[in-house]
Amino acid sequence: MKIAISGKGGVGKTLLASLLSKTFAESGYSVIAIDADPDSNLAASLGFPHSEKIAPISEMSDLIAERTGTRPGQVAPYYRLNPKVGDLLEKYAFEYNGIRLMVMGRIKKGGSGCYCPENALLQALVIHLLLSRNEVVILDMEAGIEHLGRATARAVDKLIVVVEPGRRSVETAYKIDKLAKDIGLSSIAIVGNKIRSQAEKEFLTSSLSGFDFLGFIPYDQAIIEADLANLSLLDSSQQIINEVRNVYQALLSTIQAPSKIK
């Protein structure tokens, strides 16, 4: 089962990714969590010790030079488009509470030098994790889908777009839906987050009437308070945990999950 999670910044993608990772792991699945959003803190949300010290793959200059043949920042006419990445999970993943985490870093944009080697390595690694691994892979992404391409879209079983009650969040969902369909990714679903009332739930269902909803996560001040106190978010709100379990069950009913850990 390969799940990608996207949405407008601040809607709660990382919280959903961390809680789904925990739920799958606690249910006996082997889980790989991928932090592909440079503005998120998936490691911290999952409770990884010393999460602030985890270096993204995109910043490992020696590794990038070794695998692509070109050091980051250098102008080089040639570099390896398909670098070796099959051993990177075992060498660079961090494990905690039954979840293996890989922090990817940013897919660099043009205009400020050649970022081709970094992008080549990240893209190859994402392709490997989505196409070659027989585990639950949960990918926490930016609002766009830069880490995905036609080569990997067919491996994604479900693209979850997290939305909150608001016009900009809804507009972002439509943009992500278009980008996804452009690369052949059609299995898209919505999770509503920060829901305070029935009226907000109805706003989302009416504004996104053509989408499949996996669930609605309520707003809970306990999440905000836990974040301010630098406490684990995973155990701070039982009502949110319960709703994410409903999302988990909805995923199992629509996707064929891999075998659990023996």
C-alpha atoms as a PDB file:
ATOM      1  CA  MET A   1       0.000   0.000   0.000  1.00  0.00           C
ATOM      2  CA  LYS A   2       1.495   3.302  -1.135  1.00  0.00           C
ATOM      3  CA  ILE A   3      -0.168   6.482   0.149  1.00  0.00           C
ATOM      4  CA  ALA A   4       0.767  10.054  -0.783  1.00  0.00           C
ATOM      5  CA  ILE A   5      -0.569  12.961   1.302  1.00  0.00           C
ATOM      6  CA  SER A   6      -0.784  16.527   0.014  1.00  0.00           C
ATOM      7  CA  GLY A   7      -2.729  19.733   0.592  1.00  0.00           C
ATOM      8  CA  LYS A   8      -2.302  23.442   1.273  1.00  0.00           C
ATOM      9  CA  GLY A   9       0.345  24.363   3.809  1.00  0.00           C
ATOM     10  CA  GLY A  10      -0.881  24.236   7.394  1.00  0.00           C
ATOM     11  CA  VAL A  11      -3.917  22.030   6.830  1.00  0.00           C
ATOM     12  CA  GLY A  12      -2.547  19.103   8.844  1.00  0.00           C
ATOM     13  CA  LYS A  13      -0.833  16.847   6.298  1.00  0.00           C
ATOM     14  CA  THR A  14       1.968  15.907   8.671  1.00  0.00           C
ATOM     15  CA  LEU A  15      -0.380  15.126  11.548  1.00  0.00           C
ATOM     16  CA  LEU A  16      -2.393  12.776   9.327  1.00  0.00           C
ATOM     17  CA  ALA A  17       0.774  11.181   7.927  1.00  0.00           C
ATOM     18  CA  SER A  18       2.178  10.557  11.410  1.00  0.00           C
ATOM     19  CA  LEU A  19      -1.067   9.178  12.841  1.00  0.00           C
ATOM     20  CA  LEU A  20      -1.645   6.911   9.835  1.00  0.00           C
ATOM     21  CA  SER A  21       1.946   5.664  10.089  1.00  0.00           C
ATOM     22  CA  LYS A  22       1.434   4.902  13.774  1.00  0.00           C
ATOM     23  CA  THR A  23      -1.915   3.183  13.136  1.00  0.00           C
ATOM     24  CA  PHE A  24      -0.518   0.937  10.418  1.00  0.00           C
ATOM     25  CA  ALA A  25       2.534   0.072  12.538  1.00  0.00           C
ATOM     26  CA  GLU A  26       0.422  -0.730  15.592  1.00  0.00           C
ATOM     27  CA  SER A  27      -1.775  -2.923  13.392  1.00  0.00           C
ATOM     28  CA  GLY A  28       1.222  -5.065  12.460  1.00  0.00           C
ATOM     29  CA  TYR A  29       2.332  -3.610   9.138  1.00  0.00           C
ATOM     30  CA  SER A  30       5.879  -2.735   8.147  1.00  0.00           C
ATOM     31  CA  VAL A  31       5.806   1.037   7.597  1.00  0.00           C
ATOM     32  CA  ILE A  32       8.112   3.428   5.741  1.00  0.00           C
ATOM     33  CA  ALA A  33       7.322   7.104   6.335  1.00  0.00           C
ATOM     34  CA  ILE A  34       8.813   9.590   3.868  1.00  0.00           C
ATOM     35  CA  ASP A  35       9.111  13.265   4.753  1.00  0.00           C
ATOM     36  CA  ALA A  36       9.090  14.978   1.362  1.00  0.00           C
ATOM     37  CA  ASP A  37       7.880  18.340   2.675  1.00  0.00           C
ATOM     38  CA  PRO A  38      10.799  20.582   3.726  1.00  0.00           C
ATOM     39  CA  ASP A  39       8.413  22.744   5.751  1.00  0.00           C
ATOM     40  CA  SER A  40       7.007  19.867   7.783  1.00  0.00           C
ATOM     41  CA  ASN A  41       8.352  18.024  10.781  1.00  0.00           C
ATOM     42  CA  LEU A  42       7.326  14.437  10.324  1.00  0.00           C
ATOM     43  CA  ALA A  43      10.160  13.137  12.500  1.00  0.00           C
ATOM     44  CA  ALA A  44       9.119  15.386  15.380  1.00  0.00           C
ATOM     45  CA  SER A  45       5.450  14.498  14.919  1.00  0.00           C
ATOM     46  CA  LEU A  46       6.352  10.808  15.099  1.00  0.00           C
ATOM     47  CA  GLY A  47       8.311  11.427  18.289  1.00  0.00           C
ATOM     48  CA  PHE A  48      11.743  10.567  16.902  1.00  0.00           C
ATOM     49  CA  PRO A  49      14.473  11.482  19.423  1.00  0.00           C
ATOM     50  CA  HIS A  50      16.693  14.405  18.352  1.00  0.00           C
ATOM     51  CA  SER A  51      14.586  14.906  15.238  1.00  0.00           C
ATOM     52  CA  GLU A  52      16.135  18.321  14.632  1.00  0.00           C
ATOM     53  CA  LYS A  53      19.484  16.649  13.931  1.00  0.00           C
ATOM     54  CA  ILE A  54      18.203  14.470  11.071  1.00  0.00           C
ATOM     55  CA  ALA A  55      19.796  15.663   7.820  1.00  0.00           C
ATOM     56  CA  PRO A  56      17.719  15.454   4.617  1.00  0.00           C
ATOM     57  CA  ILE A  57      19.051  13.307   1.780  1.00  0.00           C
ATOM     58  CA  SER A  58      19.095  16.392  -0.457  1.00  0.00           C
ATOM     59  CA  GLU A  59      21.754  17.970   1.790  1.00  0.00           C
ATOM     60  CA  MET A  60      24.115  14.988   1.808  1.00  0.00           C
ATOM     61  CA  SER A  61      26.639  16.365  -0.689  1.00  0.00           C
ATOM     62  CA  ASP A  62      29.071  13.459  -0.472  1.00  0.00           C
ATOM     63  CA  LEU A  63      26.319  10.907  -1.031  1.00  0.00           C
ATOM     64  CA  ILE A  64      24.921  12.851  -3.995  1.00  0.00           C
ATOM     65  CA  ALA A  65      28.381  13.142  -5.544  1.00  0.00           C
ATOM     66  CA  GLU A  66      29.077   9.432  -5.014  1.00  0.00           C
ATOM     67  CA  ARG A  67      25.791   8.266  -6.545  1.00  0.00           C
ATOM     68  CA  THR A  68      25.348  10.776  -9.399  1.00  0.00           C
ATOM     69  CA  GLY A  69      28.968  11.521 -10.274  1.00  0.00           C
ATOM     70  CA  THR A  70      28.447  15.257  -9.763  1.00  0.00           C
ATOM     71  CA  ARG A  71      28.816  17.298  -6.595  1.00  0.00           C
ATOM     72  CA  PRO A  72      25.880  19.602  -5.775  1.00  0.00           C
ATOM     73  CA  GLY A  73      26.391  23.153  -7.021  1.00  0.00           C
ATOM     74  CA  GLN A  74      28.825  22.166  -9.735  1.00  0.00           C
ATOM     75  CA  VAL A  75      27.975  22.825 -13.342  1.00  0.00           C
ATOM     76  CA  ALA A  76      28.400  19.469 -15.037  1.00  0.00           C
ATOM     77  CA  PRO A  77      27.118  18.413 -18.480  1.00  0.00           C
ATOM     78  CA  TYR A  78      26.744  14.790 -17.413  1.00  0.00           C
ATOM     79  CA  TYR A  79      25.476  13.027 -14.302  1.00  0.00           C
ATOM     80  CA  ARG A  80      23.795   9.700 -13.620  1.00  0.00           C
ATOM     81  CA  LEU A  81      20.072   9.887 -14.281  1.00  0.00           C
ATOM     82  CA  ASN A  82      19.481   6.543 -12.544  1.00  0.00           C
ATOM     83  CA  PRO A  83      21.818   6.491  -9.548  1.00  0.00           C
ATOM     84  CA  LYS A  84      22.023   3.462  -7.288  1.00  0.00           C
ATOM     85  CA  VAL A  85      19.545   3.880  -4.425  1.00  0.00           C
ATOM     86  CA  GLY A  86      18.547   0.347  -3.424  1.00  0.00           C
ATOM     87  CA  ASP A  87      20.693   0.404  -0.278  1.00  0.00           C
ATOM     88  CA  LEU A  88      19.768   3.876   0.973  1.00  0.00           C
ATOM     89  CA  LEU A  89      16.801   2.793   3.077  1.00  0.00           C
ATOM     90  CA  GLU A  90      18.961   0.445   5.130  1.00  0.00           C
ATOM     91  CA  LYS A  91      21.784   2.990   5.439  1.00  0.00           C
ATOM     92  CA  TYR A  92      19.962   6.283   5.971  1.00  0.00           C
ATOM     93  CA  ALA A  93      16.511   5.513   7.381  1.00  0.00           C
ATOM     94  CA  PHE A  94      15.820   6.169  11.047  1.00  0.00           C
ATOM     95  CA  GLU A  95      13.635   3.748  13.003  1.00  0.00           C
ATOM     96  CA  TYR A  96      11.450   4.416  16.019  1.00  0.00           C
ATOM     97  CA  ASN A  97       8.383   2.602  17.397  1.00  0.00           C
ATOM     98  CA  GLY A  98       8.278   0.264  14.409  1.00  0.00           C
ATOM     99  CA  ILE A  99       8.345   3.044  11.780  1.00  0.00           C
ATOM    100  CA  ARG A 100      11.245   3.636   9.415  1.00  0.00           C
ATOM    101  CA  LEU A 101      11.615   7.270   8.380  1.00  0.00           C
ATOM    102  CA  MET A 102      13.417   8.850   5.442  1.00  0.00           C
ATOM    103  CA  VAL A 103      13.749  12.631   5.231  1.00  0.00           C
ATOM    104  CA  MET A 104      14.076  13.609   1.584  1.00  0.00           C
ATOM    105  CA  GLY A 105      14.427  17.388   1.532  1.00  0.00           C
ATOM    106  CA  ARG A 106      13.308  19.800  -1.126  1.00  0.00           C
ATOM    107  CA  ILE A 107      12.947  19.111  -4.818  1.00  0.00           C
ATOM    108  CA  LYS A 108      14.860  22.200  -5.929  1.00  0.00           C
ATOM    109  CA  LYS A 109      13.430  24.732  -8.323  1.00  0.00           C
ATOM    110  CA  GLY A 110      15.349  26.267 -11.201  1.00  0.00           C
ATOM    111  CA  GLY A 111      16.850  29.734 -11.280  1.00  0.00           C
ATOM    112  CA  SER A 112      19.554  29.434  -8.630  1.00  0.00           C
ATOM    113  CA  GLY A 113      22.132  27.075 -10.041  1.00  0.00           C
ATOM    114  CA  CYS A 114      22.110  23.457 -11.177  1.00  0.00           C
ATOM    115  CA  TYR A 115      20.121  21.240  -8.840  1.00  0.00           C
ATOM    116  CA  CYS A 116      20.026  18.307 -11.234  1.00  0.00           C
ATOM    117  CA  PRO A 117      22.132  15.830  -9.207  1.00  0.00           C
ATOM    118  CA  GLU A 118      20.062  16.309  -6.044  1.00  0.00           C
ATOM    119  CA  ASN A 119      16.810  15.932  -7.946  1.00  0.00           C
ATOM    120  CA  ALA A 120      18.046  12.851  -9.798  1.00  0.00           C
ATOM    121  CA  LEU A 121      18.882  11.114  -6.524  1.00  0.00           C
ATOM    122  CA  LEU A 122      15.627  12.083  -4.808  1.00  0.00           C
ATOM    123  CA  GLN A 123      13.505  11.045  -7.771  1.00  0.00           C
ATOM    124  CA  ALA A 124      15.305   7.714  -8.081  1.00  0.00           C
ATOM    125  CA  LEU A 125      14.864   7.076  -4.359  1.00  0.00           C
ATOM    126  CA  VAL A 126      11.137   7.863  -4.444  1.00  0.00           C
ATOM    127  CA  ILE A 127      10.709   5.570  -7.455  1.00  0.00           C
ATOM    128  CA  HIS A 128      12.533   2.768  -5.631  1.00  0.00           C
ATOM    129  CA  LEU A 129      10.511   3.128  -2.435  1.00  0.00           C
ATOM    130  CA  LEU A 130       7.180   3.260  -4.260  1.00  0.00           C
ATOM    131  CA  LEU A 131       7.835   0.604  -6.893  1.00  0.00           C
ATOM    132  CA  SER A 132      10.199  -1.866  -5.274  1.00  0.00           C
ATOM    133  CA  ARG A 133       9.217  -2.074  -1.605  1.00  0.00           C
ATOM    134  CA  ASN A 134       6.507  -4.411  -0.327  1.00  0.00           C
ATOM    135  CA  GLU A 135       5.613  -2.326   2.711  1.00  0.00           C
ATOM    136  CA  VAL A 136       3.169   0.403   3.600  1.00  0.00           C
ATOM    137  CA  VAL A 137       4.787   3.606   2.320  1.00  0.00           C
ATOM    138  CA  ILE A 138       3.341   6.933   3.473  1.00  0.00           C
ATOM    139  CA  LEU A 139       4.638  10.005   1.644  1.00  0.00           C
ATOM    140  CA  ASP A 140       4.145  13.419   3.289  1.00  0.00           C
ATOM    141  CA  MET A 141       4.440  15.974   0.473  1.00  0.00           C
ATOM    142  CA  GLU A 142       4.299  19.675  -0.268  1.00  0.00           C
ATOM    143  CA  ALA A 143       1.129  21.246  -1.648  1.00  0.00           C
ATOM    144  CA  GLY A 144       2.313  20.217  -5.110  1.00  0.00           C
ATOM    145  CA  ILE A 145       3.257  16.732  -6.232  1.00  0.00           C
ATOM    146  CA  GLU A 146       6.847  17.447  -7.296  1.00  0.00           C
ATOM    147  CA  HIS A 147       8.128  14.182  -5.832  1.00  0.00           C
ATOM    148  CA  LEU A 148       5.823  12.211  -8.111  1.00  0.00           C
ATOM    149  CA  GLY A 149       5.994  11.648 -11.851  1.00  0.00           C
ATOM    150  CA  ARG A 150       4.497   9.357 -14.443  1.00  0.00           C
ATOM    151  CA  ALA A 151       6.976   6.653 -13.481  1.00  0.00           C
ATOM    152  CA  THR A 152       5.730   6.579  -9.902  1.00  0.00           C
ATOM    153  CA  ALA A 153       2.089   7.622 -10.245  1.00  0.00           C
ATOM    154  CA  ARG A 154       1.007   4.084 -11.069  1.00  0.00           C
ATOM    155  CA  ALA A 155       2.501   2.867  -7.786  1.00  0.00           C
ATOM    156  CA  VAL A 156       0.479   5.261  -5.618  1.00  0.00           C
ATOM    157  CA  ASP A 157      -2.627   3.460  -4.396  1.00  0.00           C
ATOM    158  CA  LYS A 158      -4.191   6.592  -2.958  1.00  0.00           C
ATOM    159  CA  LEU A 159      -3.420  10.306  -3.065  1.00  0.00           C
ATOM    160  CA  ILE A 160      -5.022  11.893  -0.001  1.00  0.00           C
ATOM    161  CA  VAL A 161      -5.603  15.628  -0.179  1.00  0.00           C
ATOM    162  CA  VAL A 162      -6.075  17.141   3.268  1.00  0.00           C
ATOM    163  CA  VAL A 163      -8.413  20.135   3.327  1.00  0.00           C
ATOM    164  CA  GLU A 164      -9.665  22.496   6.001  1.00  0.00           C
ATOM    165  CA  PRO A 165     -12.828  24.594   5.812  1.00  0.00           C
ATOM    166  CA  GLY A 166     -11.825  27.512   3.594  1.00  0.00           C
ATOM    167  CA  ARG A 167     -11.822  28.606  -0.042  1.00  0.00           C
ATOM    168  CA  ARG A 168      -8.048  28.547  -0.493  1.00  0.00           C
ATOM    169  CA  SER A 169      -7.796  25.023   0.798  1.00  0.00           C
ATOM    170  CA  VAL A 170     -10.536  23.905  -1.585  1.00  0.00           C
ATOM    171  CA  GLU A 171      -8.848  25.670  -4.515  1.00  0.00           C
ATOM    172  CA  THR A 172      -5.572  23.923  -3.689  1.00  0.00           C
ATOM    173  CA  ALA A 173      -7.367  20.574  -3.696  1.00  0.00           C
ATOM    174  CA  TYR A 174      -8.635  21.192  -7.230  1.00  0.00           C
ATOM    175  CA  LYS A 175      -5.148  22.212  -8.388  1.00  0.00           C
ATOM    176  CA  ILE A 176      -3.602  19.066  -6.884  1.00  0.00           C
ATOM    177  CA  ASP A 177      -6.325  16.954  -8.486  1.00  0.00           C
ATOM    178  CA  LYS A 178      -5.514  18.406 -11.916  1.00  0.00           C
ATOM    179  CA  LEU A 179      -1.753  17.928 -11.490  1.00  0.00           C
ATOM    180  CA  ALA A 180      -2.289  14.354 -10.351  1.00  0.00           C
ATOM    181  CA  LYS A 181      -4.545  13.451 -13.255  1.00  0.00           C
ATOM    182  CA  ASP A 182      -2.045  15.001 -15.675  1.00  0.00           C
ATOM    183  CA  ILE A 183       0.486  12.333 -14.655  1.00  0.00           C
ATOM    184  CA  GLY A 184      -2.054   9.514 -14.603  1.00  0.00           C
ATOM    185  CA  LEU A 185      -2.824   9.415 -10.866  1.00  0.00           C
ATOM    186  CA  SER A 186      -6.580   9.098 -10.585  1.00  0.00           C
ATOM    187  CA  SER A 187      -7.115   7.428  -7.198  1.00  0.00           C
ATOM    188  CA  ILE A 188      -7.643  10.596  -5.179  1.00  0.00           C
ATOM    189  CA  ALA A 189      -9.542  11.096  -1.930  1.00  0.00           C
ATOM    190  CA  ILE A 190     -10.178  13.887   0.553  1.00  0.00           C
ATOM    191  CA  VAL A 191      -9.764  14.052   4.315  1.00  0.00           C
ATOM    192  CA  GLY A 192     -11.366  17.038   5.994  1.00  0.00           C
ATOM    193  CA  ASN A 193      -9.417  18.418   8.953  1.00  0.00           C
ATOM    194  CA  LYS A 194     -10.016  21.005  11.716  1.00  0.00           C
ATOM    195  CA  ILE A 195     -13.768  20.493  11.509  1.00  0.00           C
ATOM    196  CA  ARG A 196     -15.621  22.517  14.165  1.00  0.00           C
ATOM    197  CA  SER A 197     -19.225  22.081  13.089  1.00  0.00           C
ATOM    198  CA  GLN A 198     -21.647  20.273  10.821  1.00  0.00           C
ATOM    199  CA  ALA A 199     -21.811  23.440   8.706  1.00  0.00           C
ATOM    200  CA  GLU A 200     -18.055  23.258   8.006  1.00  0.00           C
ATOM    201  CA  LYS A 201     -18.360  19.595   7.058  1.00  0.00           C
ATOM    202  CA  GLU A 202     -21.209  20.428   4.663  1.00  0.00           C
ATOM    203  CA  PHE A 203     -19.172  23.295   3.190  1.00  0.00           C
ATOM    204  CA  LEU A 204     -16.405  20.866   2.227  1.00  0.00           C
ATOM    205  CA  THR A 205     -18.700  18.172   0.864  1.00  0.00           C
ATOM    206  CA  SER A 206     -20.602  20.687  -1.266  1.00  0.00           C
ATOM    207  CA  SER A 207     -17.457  22.489  -2.453  1.00  0.00           C
ATOM    208  CA  LEU A 208     -15.762  19.183  -3.344  1.00  0.00           C
ATOM    209  CA  SER A 209     -18.847  17.272  -4.430  1.00  0.00           C
ATOM    210  CA  GLY A 210     -17.049  15.205  -7.030  1.00  0.00           C
ATOM    211  CA  PHE A 211     -14.480  13.792  -4.605  1.00  0.00           C
ATOM    212  CA  ASP A 212     -14.412  10.727  -2.390  1.00  0.00           C
ATOM    213  CA  PHE A 213     -14.149  11.589   1.318  1.00  0.00           C
ATOM    214  CA  LEU A 214     -12.316   9.183   3.617  1.00  0.00           C
ATOM    215  CA  GLY A 215     -13.214  11.014   6.813  1.00  0.00           C
ATOM    216  CA  PHE A 216     -13.466  14.225   8.793  1.00  0.00           C
ATOM    217  CA  ILE A 217     -11.030  15.008  11.604  1.00  0.00           C
ATOM    218  CA  PRO A 218     -12.357  17.361  14.274  1.00  0.00           C
ATOM    219  CA  TYR A 219     -10.596  20.477  15.499  1.00  0.00           C
ATOM    220  CA  ASP A 220      -9.112  19.908  18.949  1.00  0.00           C
ATOM    221  CA  GLN A 221      -7.327  22.602  20.943  1.00  0.00           C
ATOM    222  CA  ALA A 222      -5.361  19.818  22.652  1.00  0.00           C
ATOM    223  CA  ILE A 223      -3.247  19.472  19.499  1.00  0.00           C
ATOM    224  CA  ILE A 224      -2.302  23.161  19.625  1.00  0.00           C
ATOM    225  CA  GLU A 225      -1.496  22.987  23.325  1.00  0.00           C
ATOM    226  CA  ALA A 226       0.639  19.857  22.884  1.00  0.00           C
ATOM    227  CA  ASP A 227       2.574  21.521  20.067  1.00  0.00           C
ATOM    228  CA  LEU A 228       3.195  24.658  22.137  1.00  0.00           C
ATOM    229  CA  ALA A 229       4.398  22.524  25.037  1.00  0.00           C
ATOM    230  CA  ASN A 230       6.629  20.483  22.723  1.00  0.00           C
ATOM    231  CA  LEU A 231       4.748  17.297  23.636  1.00  0.00           C
ATOM    232  CA  SER A 232       3.953  14.363  21.392  1.00  0.00           C
ATOM    233  CA  LEU A 233       1.011  15.065  19.104  1.00  0.00           C
ATOM    234  CA  LEU A 234       0.298  11.375  18.582  1.00  0.00           C
ATOM    235  CA  ASP A 235      -1.372  10.864  21.957  1.00  0.00           C
ATOM    236  CA  SER A 236      -2.737  14.333  22.615  1.00  0.00           C
ATOM    237  CA  SER A 237      -6.276  13.939  21.247  1.00  0.00           C
ATOM    238  CA  GLN A 238      -8.283  10.735  21.535  1.00  0.00           C
ATOM    239  CA  GLN A 239     -11.070  12.020  19.297  1.00  0.00           C
ATOM    240  CA  ILE A 240      -8.577  12.727  16.502  1.00  0.00           C
ATOM    241  CA  ILE A 241      -6.965   9.314  16.983  1.00  0.00           C
ATOM    242  CA  ASN A 242     -10.405   7.703  16.694  1.00  0.00           C
ATOM    243  CA  GLU A 243     -11.200   9.527  13.469  1.00  0.00           C
ATOM    244  CA  VAL A 244      -7.823   8.666  11.917  1.00  0.00           C
ATOM    245  CA  ARG A 245      -8.592   5.026  12.709  1.00  0.00           C
ATOM    246  CA  ASN A 246     -11.775   5.463  10.671  1.00  0.00           C
ATOM    247  CA  VAL A 247      -9.674   6.851   7.798  1.00  0.00           C
ATOM    248  CA  TYR A 248      -7.388   3.821   8.180  1.00  0.00           C
ATOM    249  CA  GLN A 249     -10.353   1.451   7.941  1.00  0.00           C
ATOM    250  CA  ALA A 250     -11.643   3.324   4.877  1.00  0.00           C
ATOM    251  CA  LEU A 251      -8.244   2.882   3.215  1.00  0.00           C
ATOM    252  CA  LEU A 252      -8.201  -0.853   3.972  1.00  0.00           C
ATOM    253  CA  SER A 253     -11.645  -1.226   2.439  1.00  0.00           C
ATOM    254  CA  THR A 254     -10.558   0.382  -0.841  1.00  0.00           C
ATOM    255  CA  ILE A 255      -6.936  -0.763  -1.162  1.00  0.00           C
ATOM    256  CA  GLN A 256      -5.349  -4.196  -0.993  1.00  0.00           C
ATOM    257  CA  ALA A 257      -2.843  -3.875   1.853  1.00  0.00           C
ATOM    258  CA  PRO A 258       0.426  -5.836   1.926  1.00  0.00           C
ATOM    259  CA  SER A 259       0.937  -8.682   4.346  1.00  0.00           C
ATOM    260  CA  LYS A 260       1.527  -7.820   7.958  1.00  0.00           C
ATOM    261  CA  ILE A 261       4.865  -8.430   9.657  1.00  0.00           C
ATOM    262  CA  LYS A 262       5.334 -12.118  10.358  1.00  0.00           C
END
